[in-house]
């Protein structure tokens, strides 16, 4: 079972919330990133099993970061997170290789369901 997860979101409270949900359910958060550029850097450093990535972030958005990560590791498992009403971005992220999509504000169950679905 995949355990190591990288959490990427520009909002510290969102990272904390996601981290809390994951750690309470036996997952290990191996790193956090507050923008897409850091997400790519952290991915290469920590080689997590799964990445939870926000779409709207400064410096490099989540979709660009997703593409960069997939470039270096085609097998990367990335779950995108974003606010309501961003259907075009949902489609682009899935086409870019995201394994699932979580809409904010999300329930803990939905986060865990997405992680379990991605790890099989």
Protein backbone atom coordinates (compact mmCIF):
# COMPACT_ATOMS: atom_id res chain seq x y z
CA UNK A 1 0.00 0.00 0.00
CA UNK A 2 1.32 3.42 -0.95
CA UNK A 3 1.99 5.48 2.13
CA UNK A 4 4.17 8.46 1.25
CA UNK A 5 2.36 11.56 0.11
CA UNK A 6 3.50 15.02 -0.97
CA UNK A 7 0.98 17.82 -0.27
CA UNK A 8 1.12 20.92 -2.50
CA UNK A 9 -1.09 23.93 -1.83
CA UNK A 10 -0.33 27.63 -1.49
CA UNK A 11 -2.64 27.90 1.56
CA UNK A 12 -0.91 26.68 4.72
CA UNK A 13 -4.24 25.84 6.40
CA UNK A 14 -5.20 23.60 3.44
CA UNK A 15 -1.89 21.74 3.68
CA UNK A 16 -2.45 21.34 7.40
CA UNK A 17 -6.02 20.09 6.88
CA UNK A 18 -4.99 17.55 4.22
CA UNK A 19 -1.98 16.44 6.28
CA UNK A 20 -4.25 15.92 9.27
CA UNK A 21 -6.72 13.77 7.26
CA UNK A 22 -3.90 11.67 5.82
CA UNK A 23 -1.84 11.13 8.98
CA UNK A 24 -4.93 10.15 11.00
CA UNK A 25 -5.53 7.43 8.41
CA UNK A 26 -2.07 5.91 8.39
CA UNK A 27 -0.44 7.84 5.57
CA UNK A 28 2.89 9.63 5.83
CA UNK A 29 3.24 13.16 4.51
CA UNK A 30 6.84 13.21 3.25
CA UNK A 31 6.79 16.84 2.20
CA UNK A 32 4.83 20.00 1.59
CA UNK A 33 5.10 22.64 -1.12
CA UNK A 34 3.52 26.09 -1.34
CA UNK A 35 3.92 26.51 -5.10
CA UNK A 36 4.38 24.45 -8.25
CA UNK A 37 8.12 25.03 -8.53
CA UNK A 38 8.64 23.77 -4.97
CA UNK A 39 6.30 20.84 -5.70
CA UNK A 40 8.54 19.65 -8.55
CA UNK A 41 11.65 20.13 -6.39
CA UNK A 42 10.10 18.26 -3.43
CA UNK A 43 8.85 15.48 -5.70
CA UNK A 44 12.38 14.86 -6.96
CA UNK A 45 13.76 14.95 -3.40
CA UNK A 46 11.17 12.75 -1.70
CA UNK A 47 9.88 10.47 -4.52
CA UNK A 48 6.43 10.14 -2.92
CA UNK A 49 3.90 7.45 -3.84
CA UNK A 50 1.21 10.09 -4.38
CA UNK A 51 1.04 13.87 -4.83
CA UNK A 52 -1.99 15.95 -3.81
CA UNK A 53 -1.66 19.13 -5.90
CA UNK A 54 -3.64 22.34 -5.87
CA UNK A 55 -4.16 23.90 -9.31
CA UNK A 56 -4.03 27.60 -8.47
CA UNK A 57 -0.63 28.42 -6.97
CA UNK A 58 1.94 31.18 -7.39
CA UNK A 59 5.20 30.88 -9.35
CA UNK A 60 4.10 27.75 -11.25
CA UNK A 61 0.53 26.47 -11.21
CA UNK A 62 -0.41 22.89 -10.42
CA UNK A 63 -0.97 21.88 -14.03
CA UNK A 64 2.52 23.07 -15.07
CA UNK A 65 3.99 21.29 -12.04
CA UNK A 66 2.03 18.13 -12.91
CA UNK A 67 3.45 18.19 -16.46
CA UNK A 68 7.01 18.70 -15.16
CA UNK A 69 6.66 15.85 -12.66
CA UNK A 70 5.21 13.51 -15.31
CA UNK A 71 8.04 14.48 -17.67
CA UNK A 72 10.62 13.26 -15.16
CA UNK A 73 8.52 10.35 -13.89
CA UNK A 74 5.77 9.15 -16.25
CA UNK A 75 4.49 6.81 -13.53
CA UNK A 76 3.88 9.62 -11.02
CA UNK A 77 0.52 9.42 -9.23
CA UNK A 78 -0.92 12.93 -8.93
CA UNK A 79 -4.34 13.90 -7.58
CA UNK A 80 -5.38 17.46 -8.37
CA UNK A 81 -7.37 19.68 -6.00
CA UNK A 82 -9.18 22.87 -6.88
CA UNK A 83 -12.15 25.09 -6.20
CA UNK A 84 -15.55 24.72 -7.82
CA UNK A 85 -16.18 25.92 -11.37
CA UNK A 86 -12.84 25.13 -12.92
CA UNK A 87 -14.01 22.41 -15.34
CA UNK A 88 -11.59 23.39 -18.10
CA UNK A 89 -8.70 23.00 -15.67
CA UNK A 90 -10.07 19.65 -14.49
CA UNK A 91 -10.05 18.40 -18.09
CA UNK A 92 -6.57 19.78 -18.75
CA UNK A 93 -5.16 18.20 -15.60
CA UNK A 94 -6.66 14.79 -16.43
CA UNK A 95 -5.29 15.05 -19.99
CA UNK A 96 -1.92 15.98 -18.50
CA UNK A 97 -1.85 12.77 -16.48
CA UNK A 98 -3.62 13.46 -13.19
CA UNK A 99 -5.17 10.29 -11.75
CA UNK A 100 -8.10 11.95 -9.98
CA UNK A 101 -9.56 15.29 -9.04
CA UNK A 102 -10.88 16.60 -5.73
CA UNK A 103 -13.08 19.68 -5.58
CA UNK A 104 -12.66 22.13 -2.68
CA UNK A 105 -14.07 22.44 -0.13
CA UNK A 106 -13.64 18.70 0.26
CA UNK A 107 -14.69 16.14 2.82
CA UNK A 108 -12.12 13.89 4.47
CA UNK A 109 -13.88 10.87 2.94
CA UNK A 110 -13.39 12.20 -0.58
CA UNK A 111 -9.65 12.77 -0.02
CA UNK A 112 -9.21 9.23 1.30
CA UNK A 113 -11.37 7.76 -1.46
CA UNK A 114 -9.21 9.45 -4.13
CA UNK A 115 -5.97 8.26 -2.51
CA UNK A 116 -7.27 4.68 -2.20
CA UNK A 117 -8.52 4.71 -5.80
CA UNK A 118 -5.15 5.86 -7.13
CA UNK A 119 -3.14 3.29 -5.19
CA UNK A 120 -5.52 0.54 -6.29
